[in-house]
Amino acid sequence: MSDKTSTRNRILRAARKAFADKGRDGVSMSEIASEAGVQKALIYYYFPSKEDLFFEVWQYSLDELEDHVFAETGSENVYLRKLKKLLRSYISFITSRDEVRRIMERERANIASHPESTWSRVRERYLALRSKISSIIEGAKSEEKIPKDVDSEDAADLIINAMNASQGTDGLESIGEIIWRGLVSQDK
């Protein structure tokens, strides 16, 4: 890893911690610079604005989430098993990456309600994740393992948002089981 990449990643890690602790609006670029051990001007070299830095943190966090979750499901060709693996790996990720969970939880309302360009980019990235989860649900519906009247996008939203609602592994596993039972047809 080059020094340039290392510095950029150090800034991203410091920003993720700060955004998780205080939210996007609650932290200054000076605080992030201090946490990263760099001059504030260096942050602006890599990220033209706080909004760009926040988007990169969001993108980096969701990429990490997707890499973890979909690595577990990629080789599975039965959609119902793929969905079960998705729920388990999502729980595993969220319980092991507290900063990502806190950022998603803290900024959920902003994603839905703020029209500014950063939030629209964040919302688009969220919708891409939702679409990937929704496609797995659609596949299970096509195999007639999930009722046809289940809205796959609403179910994907439920998975993403419910998994960020609980902090403990037991609570998350319980939520995952409730979602699983709610989605899967009992008569199949």
Protein backbone atom coordinates (compact mmCIF):
# COMPACT_ATOMS: atom_id res chain seq x y z
CA MET A 1 0.00 0.00 0.00
CA SER A 2 1.43 3.38 -0.98
CA ASP A 3 1.77 6.22 1.52
CA LYS A 4 -0.92 8.11 -0.38
CA THR A 5 -3.38 5.21 -0.11
CA SER A 6 -2.43 4.66 3.51
CA THR A 7 -3.08 8.32 4.39
CA ARG A 8 -6.40 8.32 2.54
CA ASN A 9 -7.49 5.14 4.34
CA ARG A 10 -6.39 6.56 7.70
CA ILE A 11 -8.56 9.62 7.04
CA LEU A 12 -11.51 7.40 6.03
CA ARG A 13 -11.17 5.28 9.18
CA ALA A 14 -10.96 8.38 11.40
CA ALA A 15 -13.95 9.94 9.65
CA ARG A 16 -15.98 6.75 9.99
CA LYS A 17 -15.30 6.67 13.71
CA ALA A 18 -16.19 10.36 14.08
CA PHE A 19 -19.37 10.09 11.99
CA ALA A 20 -20.41 7.00 13.96
CA ASP A 21 -19.85 8.82 17.25
CA LYS A 22 -21.31 12.23 16.42
CA GLY A 23 -23.07 12.06 13.06
CA ARG A 24 -22.20 13.94 9.92
CA ASP A 25 -23.39 17.29 11.22
CA GLY A 26 -21.92 16.82 14.70
CA VAL A 27 -18.27 16.52 13.77
CA SER A 28 -15.83 19.03 12.30
CA MET A 29 -13.10 18.46 9.76
CA SER A 30 -10.62 19.60 12.45
CA GLU A 31 -11.79 16.77 14.73
CA ILE A 32 -11.40 14.26 11.91
CA ALA A 33 -7.91 15.59 11.13
CA SER A 34 -6.93 15.27 14.78
CA GLU A 35 -8.28 11.70 14.95
CA ALA A 36 -6.41 10.79 11.73
CA GLY A 37 -3.20 12.49 12.86
CA VAL A 38 -3.05 14.74 9.79
CA GLN A 39 -3.39 18.43 9.00
CA LYS A 40 -6.91 19.54 8.06
CA ALA A 41 -5.64 20.77 4.68
CA LEU A 42 -4.55 17.22 3.85
CA ILE A 43 -8.13 16.00 4.23
CA TYR A 44 -9.20 18.57 1.62
CA TYR A 45 -6.47 17.28 -0.69
CA TYR A 46 -8.25 13.91 -0.77
CA PHE A 47 -11.83 15.05 -0.20
CA PRO A 48 -12.96 18.45 -1.52
CA SER A 49 -15.66 18.81 1.14
CA LYS A 50 -17.04 17.24 4.28
CA GLU A 51 -19.97 16.00 2.18
CA ASP A 52 -17.59 14.22 -0.19
CA LEU A 53 -15.78 12.68 2.77
CA PHE A 54 -19.05 11.53 4.28
CA PHE A 55 -20.13 9.99 0.98
CA GLU A 56 -16.81 8.14 0.69
CA VAL A 57 -17.20 6.82 4.25
CA TRP A 58 -20.74 5.68 3.42
CA GLN A 59 -19.60 4.09 0.15
CA TYR A 60 -16.64 2.39 1.85
CA SER A 61 -18.89 1.06 4.64
CA LEU A 62 -21.55 -0.30 2.29
CA ASP A 63 -18.89 -1.83 0.03
CA GLU A 64 -17.49 -3.59 3.08
CA LEU A 65 -20.98 -4.75 4.05
CA GLU A 66 -21.76 -6.02 0.56
CA ASP A 67 -18.42 -7.77 0.22
CA HIS A 68 -19.07 -9.63 3.46
CA VAL A 69 -22.76 -10.41 2.95
CA PHE A 70 -22.72 -11.34 -0.72
CA ALA A 71 -19.50 -13.36 -0.48
CA GLU A 72 -21.51 -15.71 1.71
CA THR A 73 -24.37 -15.96 -0.79
CA GLY A 74 -22.53 -15.88 -4.12
CA SER A 75 -22.01 -19.60 -4.58
CA GLU A 76 -25.52 -20.57 -3.48
CA ASN A 77 -27.99 -21.28 -6.29
CA VAL A 78 -31.11 -21.97 -4.22
CA TYR A 79 -32.63 -18.60 -3.38
CA LEU A 80 -34.16 -19.59 -0.06
CA ARG A 81 -30.78 -20.83 1.22
CA LYS A 82 -29.20 -17.70 -0.26
CA LEU A 83 -31.65 -15.56 1.73
CA LYS A 84 -30.93 -17.48 4.95
CA LYS A 85 -27.17 -17.02 4.40
CA LEU A 86 -27.74 -13.33 3.68
CA LEU A 87 -29.56 -12.87 7.00
CA ARG A 88 -26.86 -14.74 8.93
CA SER A 89 -23.97 -12.93 7.29
CA TYR A 90 -25.71 -9.56 7.72
CA ILE A 91 -26.07 -10.28 11.45
CA SER A 92 -22.43 -11.35 11.62
CA PHE A 93 -21.30 -8.17 9.88
CA ILE A 94 -23.41 -5.78 11.93
CA THR A 95 -22.34 -7.32 15.24
CA SER A 96 -18.67 -7.15 14.29
CA ARG A 97 -18.67 -3.66 12.70
CA ASP A 98 -20.27 -1.39 15.27
CA GLU A 99 -19.22 1.84 13.52
CA VAL A 100 -21.00 0.88 10.30
CA ARG A 101 -24.16 -0.03 12.23
CA ARG A 102 -24.08 3.26 14.15
CA ILE A 103 -23.59 5.34 10.99
CA MET A 104 -26.47 3.56 9.25
CA GLU A 105 -28.69 3.92 12.30
CA ARG A 106 -27.77 7.56 12.95
CA GLU A 107 -28.16 8.74 9.37
CA ARG A 108 -31.25 6.71 8.36
CA ALA A 109 -33.63 9.70 8.72
CA ASN A 110 -31.31 11.98 6.75
CA ILE A 111 -31.17 9.54 3.85
CA ALA A 112 -34.94 9.55 3.55
CA SER A 113 -35.61 13.24 4.05
CA HIS A 114 -32.76 15.45 2.81
CA PRO A 115 -32.73 16.35 -0.88
CA GLU A 116 -29.21 17.81 -1.02
CA SER A 117 -26.74 16.20 -3.41
CA THR A 118 -24.71 14.30 -0.80
CA TRP A 119 -27.83 12.70 0.61
CA SER A 120 -29.11 11.87 -2.87
CA ARG A 121 -25.79 10.09 -3.59
CA VAL A 122 -25.99 8.29 -0.25
CA ARG A 123 -29.63 7.37 -0.97
CA GLU A 124 -28.65 6.01 -4.41
CA ARG A 125 -25.99 3.82 -2.80
CA TYR A 126 -28.51 2.60 -0.22
CA LEU A 127 -30.97 1.80 -3.03
CA ALA A 128 -28.30 -0.25 -4.82
CA LEU A 129 -27.84 -2.37 -1.67
CA ARG A 130 -31.61 -2.69 -1.31
CA SER A 131 -31.86 -3.80 -4.93
CA LYS A 132 -29.32 -6.59 -4.43
CA ILE A 133 -31.21 -7.91 -1.41
CA SER A 134 -34.54 -7.46 -3.20
CA SER A 135 -33.32 -9.56 -6.12
CA ILE A 136 -32.62 -12.48 -3.77
CA ILE A 137 -36.13 -12.16 -2.36
CA GLU A 138 -37.55 -12.04 -5.89
CA GLY A 139 -35.63 -15.21 -6.71
CA ALA A 140 -37.16 -16.96 -3.70
CA LYS A 141 -40.59 -15.73 -4.81
CA SER A 142 -40.00 -17.19 -8.27
CA GLU A 143 -39.17 -20.52 -6.62
CA GLU A 144 -42.47 -20.15 -4.74
CA LYS A 145 -40.72 -20.21 -1.36
CA ILE A 146 -41.92 -16.73 -0.44
CA PRO A 147 -45.51 -15.59 -1.06
CA LYS A 148 -45.99 -13.67 -4.30
CA ASP A 149 -47.67 -10.78 -2.48
CA VAL A 150 -44.52 -9.94 -0.48
CA ASP A 151 -43.07 -6.68 -1.77
CA SER A 152 -39.39 -7.49 -2.22
CA GLU A 153 -38.22 -3.88 -1.85
CA ASP A 154 -40.18 -3.40 1.38
CA ALA A 155 -38.79 -6.69 2.68
CA ALA A 156 -35.24 -5.59 1.76
CA ASP A 157 -35.81 -2.27 3.59
CA LEU A 158 -37.02 -4.24 6.59
CA ILE A 159 -33.89 -6.40 6.58
CA ILE A 160 -31.54 -3.43 6.30
CA ASN A 161 -33.29 -1.25 8.85
CA ALA A 162 -34.27 -3.91 11.37
CA MET A 163 -30.74 -5.26 11.48
CA ASN A 164 -29.54 -1.82 12.54
CA ALA A 165 -32.13 -1.51 15.29
CA SER A 166 -30.60 -3.87 17.82
CA GLN A 167 -27.12 -3.79 19.28
CA GLY A 168 -26.70 -7.27 20.66
CA THR A 169 -26.11 -10.49 18.79
CA ASP A 170 -29.06 -12.19 20.52
CA GLY A 171 -31.40 -9.35 19.59
CA LEU A 172 -30.22 -9.39 16.00
CA GLU A 173 -30.61 -13.15 15.73
CA SER A 174 -34.13 -12.82 17.09
CA ILE A 175 -34.93 -10.08 14.57
CA GLY A 176 -33.43 -12.20 11.78
CA GLU A 177 -35.59 -15.16 12.81
CA ILE A 178 -38.72 -12.99 12.89
CA ILE A 179 -37.96 -11.67 9.41
CA TRP A 180 -37.23 -15.20 8.19
CA ARG A 181 -40.51 -16.59 9.55
CA GLY A 182 -42.43 -13.61 8.17
CA LEU A 183 -41.03 -14.10 4.67
CA VAL A 184 -41.07 -17.84 4.27
CA SER A 185 -44.36 -19.51 3.46
CA GLN A 186 -45.34 -21.81 6.28
CA ASP A 187 -47.20 -24.16 3.96
CA LYS A 188 -44.21 -24.98 1.74
